[in-house]
């Protein structure tokens, strides 16, 4: 099991670094199938953002993640509803 899979299962915050060296703090919720890649569905707490919104719900391509560090626990957000997501990988 990968660090991300374990973090999803255990509700652990992760610090990820992308291929360009940008860092994000994420609450990971699920892996899902995208159009052309596998995505991490997460809530971004802080860090870099191509959308200009450093906080909020994001879908990040797993291939864009170069490094993962597992940090402390988080309380799952009540608005997360896996029933609304398509293509969740279990």
PDB file of N, CA and C in Angstrom:
ATOM      1  N   UNK A   1       0.849  -1.185   0.000  1.00  0.00           N
ATOM      2  CA  UNK A   1       0.000   0.000   0.000  1.00  0.00           C
ATOM      3  C   UNK A   1       0.890   1.242   0.000  1.00  0.00           C
ATOM      4  N   UNK A   2       0.540   2.220  -0.824  1.00  0.00           N
ATOM      5  CA  UNK A   2       1.341   3.443  -0.918  1.00  0.00           C
ATOM      6  C   UNK A   2       1.088   4.361   0.286  1.00  0.00           C
ATOM      7  N   UNK A   3       1.981   5.333   0.464  1.00  0.00           N
ATOM      8  CA  UNK A   3       1.809   6.316   1.539  1.00  0.00           C
ATOM      9  C   UNK A   3       0.474   7.046   1.389  1.00  0.00           C
ATOM     10  N   UNK A   4       0.112   7.387   0.148  1.00  0.00           N
ATOM     11  CA  UNK A   4      -1.152   8.104  -0.066  1.00  0.00           C
ATOM     12  C   UNK A   4      -2.354   7.234   0.274  1.00  0.00           C
ATOM     13  N   UNK A   5      -2.328   5.987  -0.129  1.00  0.00           N
ATOM     14  CA  UNK A   5      -3.436   5.088   0.194  1.00  0.00           C
ATOM     15  C   UNK A   5      -3.597   4.951   1.705  1.00  0.00           C
ATOM     16  N   UNK A   6      -2.482   4.803   2.406  1.00  0.00           N
ATOM     17  CA  UNK A   6      -2.519   4.690   3.863  1.00  0.00           C
ATOM     18  C   UNK A   6      -3.027   5.986   4.494  1.00  0.00           C
ATOM     19  N   UNK A   7      -2.591   7.128   3.968  1.00  0.00           N
ATOM     20  CA  UNK A   7      -3.034   8.419   4.501  1.00  0.00           C
ATOM     21  C   UNK A   7      -4.536   8.619   4.296  1.00  0.00           C
ATOM     22  N   UNK A   8      -5.050   8.184   3.145  1.00  0.00           N
ATOM     23  CA  UNK A   8      -6.494   8.260   2.898  1.00  0.00           C
ATOM     24  C   UNK A   8      -7.226   7.418   3.932  1.00  0.00           C
ATOM     25  N   UNK A   9      -6.779   6.203   4.100  1.00  0.00           N
ATOM     26  CA  UNK A   9      -7.427   5.255   5.023  1.00  0.00           C
ATOM     27  C   UNK A   9      -7.373   5.740   6.466  1.00  0.00           C
ATOM     28  N   UNK A  10      -6.231   6.338   6.870  1.00  0.00           N
ATOM     29  CA  UNK A  10      -6.028   6.741   8.263  1.00  0.00           C
ATOM     30  C   UNK A  10      -6.358   8.201   8.549  1.00  0.00           C
ATOM     31  N   UNK A  11      -6.850   8.938   7.556  1.00  0.00           N
ATOM     32  CA  UNK A  11      -7.166  10.370   7.705  1.00  0.00           C
ATOM     33  C   UNK A  11      -5.952  11.155   8.195  1.00  0.00           C
ATOM     34  N   UNK A  12      -4.864  11.068   7.418  1.00  0.00           N
ATOM     35  CA  UNK A  12      -3.623  11.778   7.739  1.00  0.00           C
ATOM     36  C   UNK A  12      -3.374  12.888   6.727  1.00  0.00           C
ATOM     37  N   UNK A  13      -2.976  14.035   7.210  1.00  0.00           N
ATOM     38  CA  UNK A  13      -2.573  15.150   6.347  1.00  0.00           C
ATOM     39  C   UNK A  13      -1.279  14.744   5.656  1.00  0.00           C
ATOM     40  N   UNK A  14      -1.142  15.128   4.389  1.00  0.00           N
ATOM     41  CA  UNK A  14       0.101  14.866   3.668  1.00  0.00           C
ATOM     42  C   UNK A  14       0.679  16.171   3.142  1.00  0.00           C
ATOM     43  N   UNK A  15       1.989  16.222   3.132  1.00  0.00           N
ATOM     44  CA  UNK A  15       2.721  17.323   2.509  1.00  0.00           C
ATOM     45  C   UNK A  15       3.270  16.742   1.220  1.00  0.00           C
ATOM     46  N   UNK A  16       2.830  17.280   0.090  1.00  0.00           N
ATOM     47  CA  UNK A  16       3.290  16.764  -1.196  1.00  0.00           C
ATOM     48  C   UNK A  16       4.096  17.830  -1.921  1.00  0.00           C
ATOM     49  N   UNK A  17       5.078  17.346  -2.658  1.00  0.00           N
ATOM     50  CA  UNK A  17       5.901  18.212  -3.493  1.00  0.00           C
ATOM     51  C   UNK A  17       5.702  17.759  -4.923  1.00  0.00           C
ATOM     52  N   UNK A  18       5.428  18.720  -5.819  1.00  0.00           N
ATOM     53  CA  UNK A  18       5.222  18.347  -7.220  1.00  0.00           C
ATOM     54  C   UNK A  18       6.545  18.329  -7.975  1.00  0.00           C
ATOM     55  N   UNK A  19       6.472  18.029  -9.253  1.00  0.00           N
ATOM     56  CA  UNK A  19       7.673  17.900 -10.084  1.00  0.00           C
ATOM     57  C   UNK A  19       8.477  19.205 -10.160  1.00  0.00           C
ATOM     58  N   UNK A  20       7.806  20.346  -9.966  1.00  0.00           N
ATOM     59  CA  UNK A  20       8.482  21.648 -10.028  1.00  0.00           C
ATOM     60  C   UNK A  20       8.995  22.110  -8.673  1.00  0.00           C
ATOM     61  N   UNK A  21       8.788  21.303  -7.620  1.00  0.00           N
ATOM     62  CA  UNK A  21       9.262  21.665  -6.288  1.00  0.00           C
ATOM     63  C   UNK A  21       8.260  22.433  -5.453  1.00  0.00           C
ATOM     64  N   UNK A  22       7.053  22.640  -5.962  1.00  0.00           N
ATOM     65  CA  UNK A  22       6.029  23.354  -5.202  1.00  0.00           C
ATOM     66  C   UNK A  22       5.421  22.416  -4.157  1.00  0.00           C
ATOM     67  N   UNK A  23       5.112  22.993  -2.987  1.00  0.00           N
ATOM     68  CA  UNK A  23       4.633  22.201  -1.852  1.00  0.00           C
ATOM     69  C   UNK A  23       3.178  22.537  -1.551  1.00  0.00           C
ATOM     70  N   UNK A  24       2.404  21.498  -1.193  1.00  0.00           N
ATOM     71  CA  UNK A  24       1.004  21.657  -0.785  1.00  0.00           C
ATOM     72  C   UNK A  24       0.760  20.804   0.451  1.00  0.00           C
ATOM     73  N   UNK A  25      -0.113  21.295   1.336  1.00  0.00           N
ATOM     74  CA  UNK A  25      -0.600  20.497   2.458  1.00  0.00           C
ATOM     75  C   UNK A  25      -2.019  20.060   2.107  1.00  0.00           C
ATOM     76  N   UNK A  26      -2.254  18.746   2.162  1.00  0.00           N
ATOM     77  CA  UNK A  26      -3.524  18.191   1.698  1.00  0.00           C
ATOM     78  C   UNK A  26      -4.133  17.243   2.711  1.00  0.00           C
ATOM     79  N   UNK A  27      -5.460  17.241   2.734  1.00  0.00           N
ATOM     80  CA  UNK A  27      -6.226  16.207   3.424  1.00  0.00           C
ATOM     81  C   UNK A  27      -6.717  15.278   2.313  1.00  0.00           C
ATOM     82  N   UNK A  28      -6.129  14.090   2.169  1.00  0.00           N
ATOM     83  CA  UNK A  28      -6.527  13.204   1.074  1.00  0.00           C
ATOM     84  C   UNK A  28      -7.799  12.413   1.412  1.00  0.00           C
ATOM     85  N   UNK A  29      -8.694  12.313   0.439  1.00  0.00           N
ATOM     86  CA  UNK A  29      -9.969  11.616   0.658  1.00  0.00           C
ATOM     87  C   UNK A  29     -10.157  10.393  -0.228  1.00  0.00           C
ATOM     88  N   UNK A  30      -9.687  10.429  -1.470  1.00  0.00           N
ATOM     89  CA  UNK A  30      -9.918   9.292  -2.372  1.00  0.00           C
ATOM     90  C   UNK A  30      -9.006   9.382  -3.585  1.00  0.00           C
ATOM     91  N   UNK A  31      -8.735   8.205  -4.168  1.00  0.00           N
ATOM     92  CA  UNK A  31      -8.112   8.152  -5.492  1.00  0.00           C
ATOM     93  C   UNK A  31      -9.236   7.865  -6.469  1.00  0.00           C
ATOM     94  N   UNK A  32      -9.183   8.495  -7.638  1.00  0.00           N
ATOM     95  CA  UNK A  32     -10.251   8.293  -8.611  1.00  0.00           C
ATOM     96  C   UNK A  32      -9.714   8.337 -10.032  1.00  0.00           C
ATOM     97  N   UNK A  33     -10.457   7.718 -10.922  1.00  0.00           N
ATOM     98  CA  UNK A  33     -10.076   7.707 -12.330  1.00  0.00           C
ATOM     99  C   UNK A  33     -10.491   9.011 -12.979  1.00  0.00           C
ATOM    100  N   UNK A  34      -9.526   9.679 -13.605  1.00  0.00           N
ATOM    101  CA  UNK A  34      -9.811  10.871 -14.384  1.00  0.00           C
ATOM    102  C   UNK A  34      -9.896  10.490 -15.853  1.00  0.00           C
ATOM    103  N   UNK A  35     -10.001  11.485 -16.730  1.00  0.00           N
ATOM    104  CA  UNK A  35     -10.066  11.217 -18.172  1.00  0.00           C
ATOM    105  C   UNK A  35      -8.829  10.494 -18.674  1.00  0.00           C
ATOM    106  N   UNK A  36      -7.671  10.975 -18.237  1.00  0.00           N
ATOM    107  CA  UNK A  36      -6.429  10.405 -18.746  1.00  0.00           C
ATOM    108  C   UNK A  36      -5.421  10.046 -17.661  1.00  0.00           C
ATOM    109  N   UNK A  37      -5.859  10.046 -16.397  1.00  0.00           N
ATOM    110  CA  UNK A  37      -4.921   9.745 -15.312  1.00  0.00           C
ATOM    111  C   UNK A  37      -5.681   9.397 -14.031  1.00  0.00           C
ATOM    112  N   UNK A  38      -4.926   8.965 -13.040  1.00  0.00           N
ATOM    113  CA  UNK A  38      -5.502   8.730 -11.717  1.00  0.00           C
ATOM    114  C   UNK A  38      -5.323  10.013 -10.914  1.00  0.00           C
ATOM    115  N   UNK A  39      -6.372  10.411 -10.217  1.00  0.00           N
ATOM    116  CA  UNK A  39      -6.392  11.665  -9.476  1.00  0.00           C
ATOM    117  C   UNK A  39      -6.489  11.423  -7.975  1.00  0.00           C
ATOM    118  N   UNK A  40      -5.954  12.352  -7.215  1.00  0.00           N
ATOM    119  CA  UNK A  40      -6.144  12.376  -5.778  1.00  0.00           C
ATOM    120  C   UNK A  40      -7.200  13.431  -5.490  1.00  0.00           C
ATOM    121  N   UNK A  41      -8.336  13.013  -4.924  1.00  0.00           N
ATOM    122  CA  UNK A  41      -9.374  13.957  -4.512  1.00  0.00           C
ATOM    123  C   UNK A  41      -9.040  14.356  -3.075  1.00  0.00           C
ATOM    124  N   UNK A  42      -8.842  15.649  -2.853  1.00  0.00           N
ATOM    125  CA  UNK A  42      -8.352  16.106  -1.561  1.00  0.00           C
ATOM    126  C   UNK A  42      -8.867  17.505  -1.242  1.00  0.00           C
ATOM    127  N   UNK A  43      -8.689  17.882   0.008  1.00  0.00           N
ATOM    128  CA  UNK A  43      -8.935  19.259   0.416  1.00  0.00           C
ATOM    129  C   UNK A  43      -7.566  19.862   0.696  1.00  0.00           C
ATOM    130  N   UNK A  44      -7.228  20.928  -0.043  1.00  0.00           N
ATOM    131  CA  UNK A  44      -5.937  21.587   0.151  1.00  0.00           C
ATOM    132  C   UNK A  44      -6.057  22.594   1.280  1.00  0.00           C
ATOM    133  N   UNK A  45      -5.171  22.462   2.254  1.00  0.00           N
ATOM    134  CA  UNK A  45      -5.163  23.329   3.424  1.00  0.00           C
ATOM    135  C   UNK A  45      -4.275  24.556   3.191  1.00  0.00           C
ATOM    136  N   UNK A  46      -3.159  24.346   2.494  1.00  0.00           N
ATOM    137  CA  UNK A  46      -2.211  25.443   2.247  1.00  0.00           C
ATOM    138  C   UNK A  46      -1.249  25.050   1.138  1.00  0.00           C
ATOM    139  N   UNK A  47      -0.548  26.054   0.611  1.00  0.00           N
ATOM    140  CA  UNK A  47       0.515  25.786  -0.350  1.00  0.00           C
ATOM    141  C   UNK A  47       0.240  26.305  -1.740  1.00  0.00           C
ATOM    142  N   UNK A  48       1.040  25.814  -2.671  1.00  0.00           N
ATOM    143  CA  UNK A  48       0.984  26.253  -4.065  1.00  0.00           C
ATOM    144  C   UNK A  48      -0.353  25.872  -4.706  1.00  0.00           C
ATOM    145  N   UNK A  49      -0.761  26.678  -5.696  1.00  0.00           N
ATOM    146  CA  UNK A  49      -2.018  26.387  -6.391  1.00  0.00           C
ATOM    147  C   UNK A  49      -2.007  27.015  -7.773  1.00  0.00           C
ATOM    148  N   UNK A  50      -2.202  26.184  -8.785  1.00  0.00           N
ATOM    149  CA  UNK A  50      -2.258  26.718 -10.155  1.00  0.00           C
ATOM    150  C   UNK A  50      -3.556  27.481 -10.398  1.00  0.00           C
ATOM    151  N   UNK A  51      -4.593  27.200  -9.594  1.00  0.00           N
ATOM    152  CA  UNK A  51      -5.873  27.892  -9.768  1.00  0.00           C
ATOM    153  C   UNK A  51      -5.898  29.247  -9.063  1.00  0.00           C
ATOM    154  N   UNK A  52      -4.890  29.508  -8.222  1.00  0.00           N
ATOM    155  CA  UNK A  52      -4.877  30.759  -7.475  1.00  0.00           C
ATOM    156  C   UNK A  52      -5.631  30.659  -6.158  1.00  0.00           C
ATOM    157  N   UNK A  53      -6.234  29.495  -5.883  1.00  0.00           N
ATOM    158  CA  UNK A  53      -6.951  29.279  -4.620  1.00  0.00           C
ATOM    159  C   UNK A  53      -6.132  28.293  -3.775  1.00  0.00           C
ATOM    160  N   UNK A  54      -5.409  28.773  -2.769  1.00  0.00           N
ATOM    161  CA  UNK A  54      -4.560  27.878  -1.990  1.00  0.00           C
ATOM    162  C   UNK A  54      -5.333  26.939  -1.061  1.00  0.00           C
ATOM    163  N   UNK A  55      -6.623  27.182  -0.855  1.00  0.00           N
ATOM    164  CA  UNK A  55      -7.439  26.305  -0.025  1.00  0.00           C
ATOM    165  C   UNK A  55      -8.659  25.859  -0.801  1.00  0.00           C
ATOM    166  N   UNK A  56      -9.099  24.639  -0.511  1.00  0.00           N
ATOM    167  CA  UNK A  56     -10.333  24.152  -1.116  1.00  0.00           C
ATOM    168  C   UNK A  56     -10.187  22.756  -1.699  1.00  0.00           C
ATOM    169  N   UNK A  57     -11.292  22.252  -2.242  1.00  0.00           N
ATOM    170  CA  UNK A  57     -11.324  20.918  -2.842  1.00  0.00           C
ATOM    171  C   UNK A  57     -10.566  20.909  -4.153  1.00  0.00           C
ATOM    172  N   UNK A  58      -9.721  19.898  -4.342  1.00  0.00           N
ATOM    173  CA  UNK A  58      -8.892  19.787  -5.548  1.00  0.00           C
ATOM    174  C   UNK A  58      -8.847  18.326  -6.013  1.00  0.00           C
ATOM    175  N   UNK A  59      -8.572  18.166  -7.294  1.00  0.00           N
ATOM    176  CA  UNK A  59      -8.246  16.870  -7.880  1.00  0.00           C
ATOM    177  C   UNK A  59      -6.861  17.024  -8.495  1.00  0.00           C
ATOM    178  N   UNK A  60      -5.898  16.293  -7.957  1.00  0.00           N
ATOM    179  CA  UNK A  60      -4.507  16.427  -8.375  1.00  0.00           C
ATOM    180  C   UNK A  60      -4.060  15.128  -9.038  1.00  0.00           C
ATOM    181  N   UNK A  61      -3.434  15.243 -10.208  1.00  0.00           N
ATOM    182  CA  UNK A  61      -2.918  14.055 -10.890  1.00  0.00           C
ATOM    183  C   UNK A  61      -1.811  13.422 -10.049  1.00  0.00           C
ATOM    184  N   UNK A  62      -1.913  12.113  -9.846  1.00  0.00           N
ATOM    185  CA  UNK A  62      -0.877  11.428  -9.069  1.00  0.00           C
ATOM    186  C   UNK A  62       0.490  11.529  -9.725  1.00  0.00           C
ATOM    187  N   UNK A  63       0.516  11.587 -11.054  1.00  0.00           N
ATOM    188  CA  UNK A  63       1.799  11.694 -11.759  1.00  0.00           C
ATOM    189  C   UNK A  63       2.479  13.047 -11.534  1.00  0.00           C
ATOM    190  N   UNK A  64       1.739  14.044 -11.038  1.00  0.00           N
ATOM    191  CA  UNK A  64       2.323  15.347 -10.736  1.00  0.00           C
ATOM    192  C   UNK A  64       3.006  15.374  -9.369  1.00  0.00           C
ATOM    193  N   UNK A  65       2.764  14.348  -8.556  1.00  0.00           N
ATOM    194  CA  UNK A  65       3.321  14.298  -7.200  1.00  0.00           C
ATOM    195  C   UNK A  65       4.658  13.566  -7.222  1.00  0.00           C
ATOM    196  N   UNK A  66       5.697  14.277  -6.775  1.00  0.00           N
ATOM    197  CA  UNK A  66       7.046  13.693  -6.760  1.00  0.00           C
ATOM    198  C   UNK A  66       7.407  13.121  -5.394  1.00  0.00           C
ATOM    199  N   UNK A  67       6.887  13.725  -4.322  1.00  0.00           N
ATOM    200  CA  UNK A  67       7.267  13.317  -2.968  1.00  0.00           C
ATOM    201  C   UNK A  67       6.076  13.475  -2.034  1.00  0.00           C
ATOM    202  N   UNK A  68       5.919  12.518  -1.109  1.00  0.00           N
ATOM    203  CA  UNK A  68       4.825  12.544  -0.129  1.00  0.00           C
ATOM    204  C   UNK A  68       5.408  12.368   1.264  1.00  0.00           C
ATOM    205  N   UNK A  69       4.996  13.253   2.177  1.00  0.00           N
ATOM    206  CA  UNK A  69       5.352  13.109   3.586  1.00  0.00           C
ATOM    207  C   UNK A  69       4.048  13.053   4.376  1.00  0.00           C
ATOM    208  N   UNK A  70       3.867  12.015   5.172  1.00  0.00           N
ATOM    209  CA  UNK A  70       2.656  11.859   5.973  1.00  0.00           C
ATOM    210  C   UNK A  70       2.843  12.599   7.286  1.00  0.00           C
ATOM    211  N   UNK A  71       1.844  13.426   7.638  1.00  0.00           N
ATOM    212  CA  UNK A  71       1.902  14.230   8.865  1.00  0.00           C
ATOM    213  C   UNK A  71       0.826  13.748   9.843  1.00  0.00           C
ATOM    214  N   UNK A  72       0.271  14.655  10.620  1.00  0.00           N
ATOM    215  CA  UNK A  72      -0.714  14.311  11.640  1.00  0.00           C
ATOM    216  C   UNK A  72      -2.101  14.023  11.084  1.00  0.00           C
ATOM    217  N   UNK A  73      -2.971  13.643  11.977  1.00  0.00           N
ATOM    218  CA  UNK A  73      -4.350  13.280  11.628  1.00  0.00           C
ATOM    219  C   UNK A  73      -5.203  14.507  11.357  1.00  0.00           C
ATOM    220  N   UNK A  74      -6.289  14.287  10.609  1.00  0.00           N
ATOM    221  CA  UNK A  74      -7.294  15.332  10.410  1.00  0.00           C
ATOM    222  C   UNK A  74      -8.675  14.730  10.626  1.00  0.00           C
ATOM    223  N   UNK A  75      -9.604  15.583  10.981  1.00  0.00           N
ATOM    224  CA  UNK A  75     -11.003  15.178  11.128  1.00  0.00           C
ATOM    225  C   UNK A  75     -11.660  15.332   9.764  1.00  0.00           C
ATOM    226  N   UNK A  76     -12.233  14.250   9.215  1.00  0.00           N
ATOM    227  CA  UNK A  76     -12.856  14.353   7.883  1.00  0.00           C
ATOM    228  C   UNK A  76     -13.910  15.459   7.826  1.00  0.00           C
ATOM    229  N   UNK A  77     -13.929  16.170   6.728  1.00  0.00           N
ATOM    230  CA  UNK A  77     -14.873  17.272   6.540  1.00  0.00           C
ATOM    231  C   UNK A  77     -16.270  16.714   6.300  1.00  0.00           C
ATOM    232  N   UNK A  78     -17.260  17.278   6.983  1.00  0.00           N
ATOM    233  CA  UNK A  78     -18.623  16.749   6.864  1.00  0.00           C
ATOM    234  C   UNK A  78     -19.207  16.875   5.460  1.00  0.00           C
ATOM    235  N   UNK A  79     -18.708  17.815   4.666  1.00  0.00           N
ATOM    236  CA  UNK A  79     -19.254  17.993   3.310  1.00  0.00           C
ATOM    237  C   UNK A  79     -18.724  16.963   2.312  1.00  0.00           C
ATOM    238  N   UNK A  80     -17.717  16.161   2.708  1.00  0.00           N
ATOM    239  CA  UNK A  80     -17.220  15.126   1.807  1.00  0.00           C
ATOM    240  C   UNK A  80     -18.282  14.045   1.654  1.00  0.00           C
ATOM    241  N   UNK A  81     -18.645  13.782   0.399  1.00  0.00           N
ATOM    242  CA  UNK A  81     -19.653  12.769   0.103  1.00  0.00           C
ATOM    243  C   UNK A  81     -19.152  11.888  -1.035  1.00  0.00           C
ATOM    244  N   UNK A  82     -18.620  10.690  -0.718  1.00  0.00           N
ATOM    245  CA  UNK A  82     -18.085   9.830  -1.759  1.00  0.00           C
ATOM    246  C   UNK A  82     -19.140   9.383  -2.773  1.00  0.00           C
ATOM    247  N   UNK A  83     -20.409   9.450  -2.401  1.00  0.00           N
ATOM    248  CA  UNK A  83     -21.496   9.076  -3.314  1.00  0.00           C
ATOM    249  C   UNK A  83     -21.552  10.004  -4.530  1.00  0.00           C
ATOM    250  N   UNK A  84     -21.056  11.232  -4.382  1.00  0.00           N
ATOM    251  CA  UNK A  84     -21.099  12.212  -5.466  1.00  0.00           C
ATOM    252  C   UNK A  84     -19.905  12.101  -6.412  1.00  0.00           C
ATOM    253  N   UNK A  85     -18.916  11.292  -6.065  1.00  0.00           N
ATOM    254  CA  UNK A  85     -17.715  11.175  -6.887  1.00  0.00           C
ATOM    255  C   UNK A  85     -17.840   9.984  -7.816  1.00  0.00           C
ATOM    256  N   UNK A  86     -17.377  10.168  -9.033  1.00  0.00           N
ATOM    257  CA  UNK A  86     -17.344   9.070 -10.017  1.00  0.00           C
ATOM    258  C   UNK A  86     -15.937   8.513 -10.090  1.00  0.00           C
ATOM    259  N   UNK A  87     -15.836   7.226 -10.293  1.00  0.00           N
ATOM    260  CA  UNK A  87     -14.543   6.602 -10.555  1.00  0.00           C
ATOM    261  C   UNK A  87     -13.643   6.420  -9.370  1.00  0.00           C
ATOM    262  N   UNK A  88     -14.200   6.338  -8.156  1.00  0.00           N
ATOM    263  CA  UNK A  88     -13.358   6.128  -6.980  1.00  0.00           C
ATOM    264  C   UNK A  88     -12.683   4.764  -7.087  1.00  0.00           C
ATOM    265  N   UNK A  89     -11.389   4.750  -6.760  1.00  0.00           N
ATOM    266  CA  UNK A  89     -10.611   3.511  -6.735  1.00  0.00           C
ATOM    267  C   UNK A  89     -10.524   3.060  -5.287  1.00  0.00           C
ATOM    268  N   UNK A  90     -10.966   1.848  -5.030  1.00  0.00           N
ATOM    269  CA  UNK A  90     -10.929   1.350  -3.652  1.00  0.00           C
ATOM    270  C   UNK A  90      -9.760   0.456  -3.416  1.00  0.00           C
TER     271      UNK A  90
END
